[in-house]
PDB file of all heavy atoms in Angstrom:
ATOM      1  N   PRO A   1    -146.671 -91.367 234.769  1.00  0.00           N
ATOM      2  CA  PRO A   1    -146.056 -90.993 233.490  1.00  0.00           C
ATOM      3  C   PRO A   1    -144.822 -90.131 233.720  1.00  0.00           C
ATOM      4  O   PRO A   1    -144.631 -89.582 234.814  1.00  0.00           O
ATOM      5  CB  PRO A   1    -147.157 -90.180 232.802  1.00  0.00           C
ATOM      6  CG  PRO A   1    -147.888 -89.540 233.942  1.00  0.00           C
ATOM      7  CD  PRO A   1    -147.876 -90.568 235.052  1.00  0.00           C
ATOM      8  N   PRO A   2    -143.969 -89.960 232.711  1.00  0.00           N
ATOM      9  CA  PRO A   2    -142.868 -89.007 232.836  1.00  0.00           C
ATOM     10  C   PRO A   2    -143.403 -87.606 233.140  1.00  0.00           C
ATOM     11  O   PRO A   2    -144.538 -87.269 232.804  1.00  0.00           O
ATOM     12  CB  PRO A   2    -142.198 -89.058 231.449  1.00  0.00           C
ATOM     13  CG  PRO A   2    -142.611 -90.374 230.869  1.00  0.00           C
ATOM     14  CD  PRO A   2    -143.967 -90.660 231.412  1.00  0.00           C
ATOM     15  N   VAL A   3    -142.568 -86.799 233.781  1.00  0.00           N
ATOM     16  CA  VAL A   3    -142.974 -85.447 234.190  1.00  0.00           C
ATOM     17  C   VAL A   3    -143.515 -84.645 233.011  1.00  0.00           C
ATOM     18  O   VAL A   3    -144.546 -83.970 233.112  1.00  0.00           O
ATOM     19  CB  VAL A   3    -141.786 -84.714 234.848  1.00  0.00           C
ATOM     20  CG1 VAL A   3    -142.104 -83.228 235.034  1.00  0.00           C
ATOM     21  CG2 VAL A   3    -141.455 -85.341 236.188  1.00  0.00           C
ATOM     22  N   GLU A   4    -142.832 -84.713 231.867  1.00  0.00           N
ATOM     23  CA  GLU A   4    -143.239 -83.930 230.698  1.00  0.00           C
ATOM     24  C   GLU A   4    -144.633 -84.314 230.224  1.00  0.00           C
ATOM     25  O   GLU A   4    -145.432 -83.452 229.843  1.00  0.00           O
ATOM     26  CB  GLU A   4    -142.232 -84.114 229.563  1.00  0.00           C
ATOM     27  CG  GLU A   4    -140.849 -83.558 229.853  1.00  0.00           C
ATOM     28  CD  GLU A   4    -140.795 -82.052 229.664  1.00  0.00           C
ATOM     29  OE1 GLU A   4    -141.716 -81.500 229.050  1.00  0.00           O
ATOM     30  OE2 GLU A   4    -139.822 -81.435 230.130  1.00  0.00           O
ATOM     31  N   ARG A   5    -144.951 -85.593 230.261  1.00  0.00           N
ATOM     32  CA  ARG A   5    -146.284 -86.032 229.819  1.00  0.00           C
ATOM     33  C   ARG A   5    -147.352 -85.627 230.823  1.00  0.00           C
ATOM     34  O   ARG A   5    -148.471 -85.253 230.445  1.00  0.00           O
ATOM     35  CB  ARG A   5    -146.305 -87.550 229.610  1.00  0.00           C
ATOM     36  CG  ARG A   5    -145.508 -88.029 228.413  1.00  0.00           C
ATOM     37  CD  ARG A   5    -145.920 -89.413 227.997  1.00  0.00           C
ATOM     38  NE  ARG A   5    -147.307 -89.443 227.527  1.00  0.00           N
ATOM     39  CZ  ARG A   5    -148.036 -90.567 227.432  1.00  0.00           C
ATOM     40  NH1 ARG A   5    -147.511 -91.740 227.796  1.00  0.00           N
ATOM     41  NH2 ARG A   5    -149.274 -90.529 226.991  1.00  0.00           N
ATOM     42  N   ALA A   6    -147.021 -85.678 232.109  1.00  0.00           N
ATOM     43  CA  ALA A   6    -147.987 -85.227 233.122  1.00  0.00           C
ATOM     44  C   ALA A   6    -148.249 -83.728 232.958  1.00  0.00           C
ATOM     45  O   ALA A   6    -149.387 -83.265 233.119  1.00  0.00           O
ATOM     46  CB  ALA A   6    -147.463 -85.530 234.519  1.00  0.00           C
ATOM     47  N   ALA A   7    -147.216 -82.964 232.615  1.00  0.00           N
ATOM     48  CA  ALA A   7    -147.383 -81.517 232.419  1.00  0.00           C
ATOM     49  C   ALA A   7    -148.273 -81.202 231.231  1.00  0.00           C
ATOM     50  O   ALA A   7    -148.905 -80.131 231.186  1.00  0.00           O
ATOM     51  CB  ALA A   7    -146.015 -80.854 232.257  1.00  0.00           C
ATOM     52  N   ASP A   8    -148.335 -82.115 230.249  1.00  0.00           N
ATOM     53  CA  ASP A   8    -149.212 -81.901 229.096  1.00  0.00           C
ATOM     54  C   ASP A   8    -150.670 -81.745 229.516  1.00  0.00           C
ATOM     55  O   ASP A   8    -151.475 -81.140 228.787  1.00  0.00           O
ATOM     56  CB  ASP A   8    -149.099 -83.075 228.106  1.00  0.00           C
ATOM     57  CG  ASP A   8    -147.764 -83.098 227.373  1.00  0.00           C
ATOM     58  OD1 ASP A   8    -147.090 -82.049 227.335  1.00  0.00           O
ATOM     59  OD2 ASP A   8    -147.403 -84.177 226.857  1.00  0.00           O
ATOM     60  N   LEU A   9    -151.022 -82.301 230.673  1.00  0.00           N
ATOM     61  CA  LEU A   9    -152.407 -82.232 231.143  1.00  0.00           C
ATOM     62  C   LEU A   9    -152.847 -80.808 231.469  1.00  0.00           C
ATOM     63  O   LEU A   9    -154.040 -80.536 231.599  1.00  0.00           O
ATOM     64  CB  LEU A   9    -152.576 -83.093 232.403  1.00  0.00           C
ATOM     65  CG  LEU A   9    -152.476 -84.613 232.213  1.00  0.00           C
ATOM     66  CD1 LEU A   9    -152.293 -85.307 233.557  1.00  0.00           C
ATOM     67  CD2 LEU A   9    -153.725 -85.129 231.510  1.00  0.00           C
ATOM     68  N   PHE A  10    -151.893 -79.903 231.612  1.00  0.00           N
ATOM     69  CA  PHE A  10    -152.227 -78.534 232.011  1.00  0.00           C
ATOM     70  C   PHE A  10    -152.342 -77.574 230.831  1.00  0.00           C
ATOM     71  O   PHE A  10    -152.928 -76.508 230.956  1.00  0.00           O
ATOM     72  CB  PHE A  10    -151.165 -78.009 232.993  1.00  0.00           C
ATOM     73  CG  PHE A  10    -151.210 -78.681 234.329  1.00  0.00           C
ATOM     74  CD1 PHE A  10    -150.565 -79.892 234.530  1.00  0.00           C
ATOM     75  CD2 PHE A  10    -151.908 -78.119 235.381  1.00  0.00           C
ATOM     76  CE1 PHE A  10    -150.610 -80.532 235.756  1.00  0.00           C
ATOM     77  CE2 PHE A  10    -151.965 -78.744 236.614  1.00  0.00           C
ATOM     78  CZ  PHE A  10    -151.314 -79.959 236.798  1.00  0.00           C
ATOM     79  N   THR A  11    -151.798 -77.929 229.672  1.00  0.00           N
ATOM     80  CA  THR A  11    -151.641 -76.967 228.578  1.00  0.00           C
ATOM     81  C   THR A  11    -152.971 -76.588 227.944  1.00  0.00           C
ATOM     82  O   THR A  11    -153.787 -77.443 227.591  1.00  0.00           O
ATOM     83  CB  THR A  11    -150.691 -77.530 227.515  1.00  0.00           C
ATOM     84  OG1 THR A  11    -149.447 -77.852 228.139  1.00  0.00           O
ATOM     85  CG2 THR A  11    -150.446 -76.514 226.414  1.00  0.00           C
ATOM     86  N   ARG A  12    -153.159 -75.288 227.795  1.00  0.00           N
ATOM     87  CA  ARG A  12    -154.370 -74.723 227.195  1.00  0.00           C
ATOM     88  C   ARG A  12    -154.390 -74.987 225.699  1.00  0.00           C
ATOM     89  O   ARG A  12    -153.360 -74.965 225.029  1.00  0.00           O
ATOM     90  CB  ARG A  12    -154.402 -73.225 227.480  1.00  0.00           C
ATOM     91  CG  ARG A  12    -155.604 -72.474 226.916  1.00  0.00           C
ATOM     92  CD  ARG A  12    -155.539 -71.003 227.340  1.00  0.00           C
ATOM     93  NE  ARG A  12    -155.714 -70.861 228.775  1.00  0.00           N
ATOM     94  CZ  ARG A  12    -155.268 -69.839 229.487  1.00  0.00           C
ATOM     95  NH1 ARG A  12    -154.624 -68.845 228.909  1.00  0.00           N
ATOM     96  NH2 ARG A  12    -155.465 -69.785 230.797  1.00  0.00           N
ATOM     97  N   GLY A  13    -155.603 -75.190 225.162  1.00  0.00           N
ATOM     98  CA  GLY A  13    -155.774 -75.355 223.720  1.00  0.00           C
ATOM     99  C   GLY A  13    -155.944 -74.009 223.036  1.00  0.00           C
ATOM    100  O   GLY A  13    -155.306 -73.023 223.394  1.00  0.00           O
ATOM    101  N   ASP A  14    -156.845 -73.962 222.060  1.00  0.00           N
ATOM    102  CA  ASP A  14    -157.020 -72.741 221.273  1.00  0.00           C
ATOM    103  C   ASP A  14    -157.680 -71.615 222.053  1.00  0.00           C
ATOM    104  O   ASP A  14    -157.516 -70.436 221.719  1.00  0.00           O
ATOM    105  CB  ASP A  14    -157.846 -73.043 220.021  1.00  0.00           C
ATOM    106  CG  ASP A  14    -157.122 -73.977 219.073  1.00  0.00           C
ATOM    107  OD1 ASP A  14    -155.872 -73.982 219.107  1.00  0.00           O
ATOM    108  OD2 ASP A  14    -157.805 -74.694 218.319  1.00  0.00           O
ATOM    109  N   SER A  15    -158.457 -71.948 223.064  1.00  0.00           N
ATOM    110  CA  SER A  15    -159.160 -70.897 223.812  1.00  0.00           C
ATOM    111  C   SER A  15    -159.151 -71.205 225.304  1.00  0.00           C
ATOM    112  O   SER A  15    -159.053 -72.370 225.714  1.00  0.00           O
ATOM    113  CB  SER A  15    -160.608 -70.751 223.324  1.00  0.00           C
ATOM    114  OG  SER A  15    -161.315 -71.962 223.510  1.00  0.00           O
ATOM    115  N   MET A  16    -159.264 -70.150 226.111  1.00  0.00           N
ATOM    116  CA  MET A  16    -159.277 -70.288 227.566  1.00  0.00           C
ATOM    117  C   MET A  16    -160.658 -70.694 228.059  1.00  0.00           C
ATOM    118  O   MET A  16    -161.674 -70.217 227.547  1.00  0.00           O
ATOM    119  CB  MET A  16    -158.883 -68.943 228.185  1.00  0.00           C
ATOM    120  CG  MET A  16    -158.839 -68.938 229.702  1.00  0.00           C
ATOM    121  SD  MET A  16    -158.576 -67.275 230.380  1.00  0.00           S
ATOM    122  CE  MET A  16    -160.232 -66.558 230.227  1.00  0.00           C
ATOM    123  N   ILE A  17    -160.695 -71.566 229.043  1.00  0.00           N
ATOM    124  CA  ILE A  17    -161.947 -71.878 229.732  1.00  0.00           C
ATOM    125  C   ILE A  17    -162.136 -70.803 230.798  1.00  0.00           C
ATOM    126  O   ILE A  17    -161.327 -70.701 231.731  1.00  0.00           O
ATOM    127  CB  ILE A  17    -161.894 -73.263 230.394  1.00  0.00           C
ATOM    128  CG1 ILE A  17    -161.546 -74.350 229.376  1.00  0.00           C
ATOM    129  CG2 ILE A  17    -163.220 -73.572 231.088  1.00  0.00           C
ATOM    130  CD1 ILE A  17    -161.175 -75.688 230.007  1.00  0.00           C
ATOM    131  N   PRO A  18    -163.143 -69.935 230.687  1.00  0.00           N
ATOM    132  CA  PRO A  18    -163.259 -68.823 231.648  1.00  0.00           C
ATOM    133  C   PRO A  18    -163.771 -69.287 233.005  1.00  0.00           C
ATOM    134  O   PRO A  18    -164.566 -70.226 233.108  1.00  0.00           O
ATOM    135  CB  PRO A  18    -164.264 -67.888 230.965  1.00  0.00           C
ATOM    136  CG  PRO A  18    -165.099 -68.787 230.113  1.00  0.00           C
ATOM    137  CD  PRO A  18    -164.189 -69.886 229.658  1.00  0.00           C
ATOM    138  N   CYS A  19    -163.311 -68.616 234.039  1.00  0.00           N
ATOM    139  CA  CYS A  19    -163.856 -68.829 235.374  1.00  0.00           C
ATOM    140  C   CYS A  19    -165.212 -68.130 235.445  1.00  0.00           C
ATOM    141  O   CYS A  19    -165.342 -66.983 235.002  1.00  0.00           O
ATOM    142  CB  CYS A  19    -162.917 -68.266 236.433  1.00  0.00           C
ATOM    143  SG  CYS A  19    -163.533 -68.437 238.119  1.00  0.00           S
ATOM    144  N   PRO A  20    -166.236 -68.785 235.992  1.00  0.00           N
ATOM    145  CA  PRO A  20    -167.548 -68.117 236.066  1.00  0.00           C
ATOM    146  C   PRO A  20    -167.610 -66.988 237.078  1.00  0.00           C
ATOM    147  O   PRO A  20    -168.582 -66.247 237.106  1.00  0.00           O
ATOM    148  CB  PRO A  20    -168.483 -69.271 236.476  1.00  0.00           C
ATOM    149  CG  PRO A  20    -167.608 -70.247 237.169  1.00  0.00           C
ATOM    150  CD  PRO A  20    -166.276 -70.167 236.507  1.00  0.00           C
ATOM    151  N   LYS A  21    -166.565 -66.825 237.886  1.00  0.00           N
ATOM    152  CA  LYS A  21    -166.672 -65.886 238.995  1.00  0.00           C
ATOM    153  C   LYS A  21    -165.529 -64.879 239.081  1.00  0.00           C
ATOM    154  O   LYS A  21    -165.744 -63.714 239.449  1.00  0.00           O
ATOM    155  CB  LYS A  21    -166.737 -66.672 240.306  1.00  0.00           C
ATOM    156  CG  LYS A  21    -166.990 -65.845 241.555  1.00  0.00           C
ATOM    157  CD  LYS A  21    -167.144 -66.749 242.770  1.00  0.00           C
ATOM    158  CE  LYS A  21    -167.449 -65.947 244.037  1.00  0.00           C
ATOM    159  NZ  LYS A  21    -167.578 -66.825 245.222  1.00  0.00           N
ATOM    160  N   SER A  22    -164.304 -65.277 238.754  1.00  0.00           N
ATOM    161  CA  SER A  22    -163.120 -64.478 239.097  1.00  0.00           C
ATOM    162  C   SER A  22    -162.661 -63.561 237.972  1.00  0.00           C
ATOM    163  O   SER A  22    -162.820 -63.857 236.794  1.00  0.00           O
ATOM    164  CB  SER A  22    -161.960 -65.396 239.481  1.00  0.00           C
ATOM    165  OG  SER A  22    -162.304 -66.208 240.571  1.00  0.00           O
ATOM    166  N   THR A  23    -162.037 -62.472 238.383  1.00  0.00           N
ATOM    167  CA  THR A  23    -161.407 -61.545 237.448  1.00  0.00           C
ATOM    168  C   THR A  23    -159.886 -61.712 237.511  1.00  0.00           C
ATOM    169  O   THR A  23    -159.342 -62.367 238.408  1.00  0.00           O
ATOM    170  CB  THR A  23    -161.749 -60.086 237.791  1.00  0.00           C
ATOM    171  OG1 THR A  23    -161.121 -59.751 239.054  1.00  0.00           O
ATOM    172  CG2 THR A  23    -163.242 -59.885 237.892  1.00  0.00           C
ATOM    173  N   VAL A  24    -159.205 -61.054 236.583  1.00  0.00           N
ATOM    174  CA  VAL A  24    -157.740 -61.077 236.588  1.00  0.00           C
ATOM    175  C   VAL A  24    -157.199 -60.414 237.855  1.00  0.00           C
ATOM    176  O   VAL A  24    -156.131 -60.798 238.347  1.00  0.00           O
ATOM    177  CB  VAL A  24    -157.199 -60.398 235.318  1.00  0.00           C
ATOM    178  CG1 VAL A  24    -155.710 -60.101 235.414  1.00  0.00           C
ATOM    179  CG2 VAL A  24    -157.469 -61.286 234.090  1.00  0.00           C
ATOM    180  N   LEU A  25    -157.931 -59.466 238.437  1.00  0.00           N
ATOM    181  CA  LEU A  25    -157.472 -58.849 239.677  1.00  0.00           C
ATOM    182  C   LEU A  25    -157.348 -59.896 240.784  1.00  0.00           C
ATOM    183  O   LEU A  25    -156.428 -59.834 241.606  1.00  0.00           O
ATOM    184  CB  LEU A  25    -158.422 -57.741 240.116  1.00  0.00           C
ATOM    185  CG  LEU A  25    -157.980 -56.971 241.367  1.00  0.00           C
ATOM    186  CD1 LEU A  25    -156.639 -56.276 241.147  1.00  0.00           C
ATOM    187  CD2 LEU A  25    -159.042 -55.965 241.793  1.00  0.00           C
ATOM    188  N   PHE A  26    -158.243 -60.853 240.816  1.00  0.00           N
ATOM    189  CA  PHE A  26    -158.140 -61.955 241.781  1.00  0.00           C
ATOM    190  C   PHE A  26    -156.838 -62.719 241.569  1.00  0.00           C
ATOM    191  O   PHE A  26    -156.123 -63.049 242.528  1.00  0.00           O
ATOM    192  CB  PHE A  26    -159.342 -62.892 241.635  1.00  0.00           C
ATOM    193  CG  PHE A  26    -159.207 -64.184 242.397  1.00  0.00           C
ATOM    194  CD1 PHE A  26    -159.300 -64.209 243.771  1.00  0.00           C
ATOM    195  CD2 PHE A  26    -158.996 -65.379 241.719  1.00  0.00           C
ATOM    196  CE1 PHE A  26    -159.169 -65.407 244.478  1.00  0.00           C
ATOM    197  CE2 PHE A  26    -158.869 -66.579 242.407  1.00  0.00           C
ATOM    198  CZ  PHE A  26    -158.956 -66.596 243.789  1.00  0.00           C
ATOM    199  N   ALA A  27    -156.509 -63.007 240.309  1.00  0.00           N
ATOM    200  CA  ALA A  27    -155.265 -63.711 240.008  1.00  0.00           C
ATOM    201  C   ALA A  27    -154.052 -62.893 240.441  1.00  0.00           C
ATOM    202  O   ALA A  27    -153.107 -63.419 241.040  1.00  0.00           O
ATOM    203  CB  ALA A  27    -155.192 -64.012 238.514  1.00  0.00           C
ATOM    204  N   TYR A  28    -154.069 -61.596 240.145  1.00  0.00           N
ATOM    205  CA  TYR A  28    -152.963 -60.721 240.535  1.00  0.00           C
ATOM    206  C   TYR A  28    -152.780 -60.722 242.056  1.00  0.00           C
ATOM    207  O   TYR A  28    -151.665 -60.835 242.565  1.00  0.00           O
ATOM    208  CB  TYR A  28    -153.229 -59.287 240.068  1.00  0.00           C
ATOM    209  CG  TYR A  28    -153.027 -59.021 238.598  1.00  0.00           C
ATOM    210  CD1 TYR A  28    -153.457 -57.809 238.050  1.00  0.00           C
ATOM    211  CD2 TYR A  28    -152.406 -59.944 237.753  1.00  0.00           C
ATOM    212  CE1 TYR A  28    -153.271 -57.517 236.705  1.00  0.00           C
ATOM    213  CE2 TYR A  28    -152.222 -59.661 236.403  1.00  0.00           C
ATOM    214  CZ  TYR A  28    -152.663 -58.451 235.880  1.00  0.00           C
ATOM    215  OH  TYR A  28    -152.479 -58.169 234.558  1.00  0.00           O
ATOM    216  N   PHE A  29    -153.895 -60.559 242.779  1.00  0.00           N
ATOM    217  CA  PHE A  29    -153.805 -60.473 244.235  1.00  0.00           C
ATOM    218  C   PHE A  29    -153.308 -61.790 244.830  1.00  0.00           C
ATOM    219  O   PHE A  29    -152.487 -61.796 245.758  1.00  0.00           O
ATOM    220  CB  PHE A  29    -155.156 -60.096 244.836  1.00  0.00           C
ATOM    221  CG  PHE A  29    -155.104 -59.820 246.317  1.00  0.00           C
ATOM    222  CD1 PHE A  29    -154.729 -58.568 246.783  1.00  0.00           C
ATOM    223  CD2 PHE A  29    -155.407 -60.797 247.245  1.00  0.00           C
ATOM    224  CE1 PHE A  29    -154.665 -58.298 248.157  1.00  0.00           C
ATOM    225  CE2 PHE A  29    -155.352 -60.557 248.615  1.00  0.00           C
ATOM    226  CZ  PHE A  29    -154.977 -59.300 249.071  1.00  0.00           C
ATOM    227  N   ALA A  30    -153.804 -62.917 244.307  1.00  0.00           N
ATOM    228  CA  ALA A  30    -153.380 -64.224 244.811  1.00  0.00           C
ATOM    229  C   ALA A  30    -151.871 -64.387 244.683  1.00  0.00           C
ATOM    230  O   ALA A  30    -151.195 -64.825 245.624  1.00  0.00           O
ATOM    231  CB  ALA A  30    -154.110 -65.336 244.059  1.00  0.00           C
ATOM    232  N   GLN A  31    -151.331 -64.055 243.521  1.00  0.00           N
ATOM    233  CA  GLN A  31    -149.889 -64.186 243.326  1.00  0.00           C
ATOM    234  C   GLN A  31    -149.126 -63.230 244.244  1.00  0.00           C
ATOM    235  O   GLN A  31    -148.136 -63.610 244.883  1.00  0.00           O
ATOM    236  CB  GLN A  31    -149.498 -63.905 241.874  1.00  0.00           C
ATOM    237  CG  GLN A  31    -147.991 -64.057 241.642  1.00  0.00           C
ATOM    238  CD  GLN A  31    -147.505 -63.400 240.374  1.00  0.00           C
ATOM    239  OE1 GLN A  31    -148.129 -62.488 239.843  1.00  0.00           O
ATOM    240  NE2 GLN A  31    -146.370 -63.868 239.875  1.00  0.00           N
ATOM    241  N   TRP A  32    -149.604 -62.012 244.329  1.00  0.00           N
ATOM    242  CA  TRP A  32    -148.871 -60.979 245.062  1.00  0.00           C
ATOM    243  C   TRP A  32    -148.758 -61.294 246.545  1.00  0.00           C
ATOM    244  O   TRP A  32    -147.665 -61.277 247.113  1.00  0.00           O
ATOM    245  CB  TRP A  32    -149.574 -59.639 244.861  1.00  0.00           C
ATOM    246  CG  TRP A  32    -148.981 -58.510 245.640  1.00  0.00           C
ATOM    247  CD1 TRP A  32    -147.798 -57.869 245.395  1.00  0.00           C
ATOM    248  CD2 TRP A  32    -149.544 -57.882 246.793  1.00  0.00           C
ATOM    249  NE1 TRP A  32    -147.590 -56.874 246.318  1.00  0.00           N
ATOM    250  CE2 TRP A  32    -148.644 -56.858 247.191  1.00  0.00           C
ATOM    251  CE3 TRP A  32    -150.714 -58.068 247.515  1.00  0.00           C
ATOM    252  CZ2 TRP A  32    -148.892 -56.047 248.282  1.00  0.00           C
ATOM    253  CZ3 TRP A  32    -150.961 -57.253 248.606  1.00  0.00           C
ATOM    254  CH2 TRP A  32    -150.054 -56.263 248.979  1.00  0.00           C
ATOM    255  N   PHE A  33    -149.886 -61.630 247.185  1.00  0.00           N
ATOM    256  CA  PHE A  33    -149.793 -61.787 248.633  1.00  0.00           C
ATOM    257  C   PHE A  33    -149.174 -63.128 249.023  1.00  0.00           C
ATOM    258  O   PHE A  33    -148.465 -63.242 250.023  1.00  0.00           O
ATOM    259  CB  PHE A  33    -151.155 -61.535 249.300  1.00  0.00           C
ATOM    260  CG  PHE A  33    -151.880 -62.756 249.800  1.00  0.00           C
ATOM    261  CD1 PHE A  33    -151.646 -63.256 251.057  1.00  0.00           C
ATOM    262  CD2 PHE A  33    -152.831 -63.387 248.998  1.00  0.00           C
ATOM    263  CE1 PHE A  33    -152.330 -64.371 251.523  1.00  0.00           C
ATOM    264  CE2 PHE A  33    -153.510 -64.491 249.462  1.00  0.00           C
ATOM    265  CZ  PHE A  33    -153.256 -64.987 250.736  1.00  0.00           C
ATOM    266  N   THR A  34    -149.361 -64.186 248.191  1.00  0.00           N
ATOM    267  CA  THR A  34    -148.773 -65.484 248.549  1.00  0.00           C
ATOM    268  C   THR A  34    -147.282 -65.542 248.258  1.00  0.00           C
ATOM    269  O   THR A  34    -146.546 -66.240 248.960  1.00  0.00           O
ATOM    270  CB  THR A  34    -149.474 -66.634 247.811  1.00  0.00           C
ATOM    271  OG1 THR A  34    -149.372 -66.435 246.392  1.00  0.00           O
ATOM    272  CG2 THR A  34    -150.937 -66.723 248.198  1.00  0.00           C
ATOM    273  N   ASP A  35    -146.821 -64.828 247.223  1.00  0.00           N
ATOM    274  CA  ASP A  35    -145.395 -64.853 246.935  1.00  0.00           C
ATOM    275  C   ASP A  35    -144.574 -64.201 248.042  1.00  0.00           C
ATOM    276  O   ASP A  35    -143.354 -64.351 248.083  1.00  0.00           O
ATOM    277  CB  ASP A  35    -145.099 -64.146 245.598  1.00  0.00           C
ATOM    278  CG  ASP A  35    -145.174 -65.096 244.417  1.00  0.00           C
ATOM    279  OD1 ASP A  35    -145.693 -66.211 244.606  1.00  0.00           O
ATOM    280  OD2 ASP A  35    -144.729 -64.732 243.316  1.00  0.00           O
ATOM    281  N   GLY A  36    -145.235 -63.494 248.948  1.00  0.00           N
ATOM    282  CA  GLY A  36    -144.520 -62.929 250.080  1.00  0.00           C
ATOM    283  C   GLY A  36    -144.088 -63.976 251.089  1.00  0.00           C
ATOM    284  O   GLY A  36    -143.089 -63.794 251.784  1.00  0.00           O
ATOM    285  N   PHE A  37    -144.833 -65.098 251.214  1.00  0.00           N
ATOM    286  CA  PHE A  37    -144.456 -66.108 252.206  1.00  0.00           C
ATOM    287  C   PHE A  37    -144.285 -67.505 251.623  1.00  0.00           C
ATOM    288  O   PHE A  37    -143.786 -68.395 252.305  1.00  0.00           O
ATOM    289  CB  PHE A  37    -145.469 -66.142 253.366  1.00  0.00           C
ATOM    290  CG  PHE A  37    -146.884 -66.390 252.952  1.00  0.00           C
ATOM    291  CD1 PHE A  37    -147.379 -67.670 252.821  1.00  0.00           C
ATOM    292  CD2 PHE A  37    -147.743 -65.326 252.711  1.00  0.00           C
ATOM    293  CE1 PHE A  37    -148.694 -67.892 252.445  1.00  0.00           C
ATOM    294  CE2 PHE A  37    -149.059 -65.536 252.344  1.00  0.00           C
ATOM    295  CZ  PHE A  37    -149.534 -66.829 252.202  1.00  0.00           C
TER     296      PHE A  37
END
């Protein structure tokens, strides 16, 4: 499909599907240490 239509597959609806395990701190750390390299 066109790029824009493929990107539609990622868009969140009215509510977030929660991760059963992770906190926002995990998300922060993942971005922080990987953006270094």
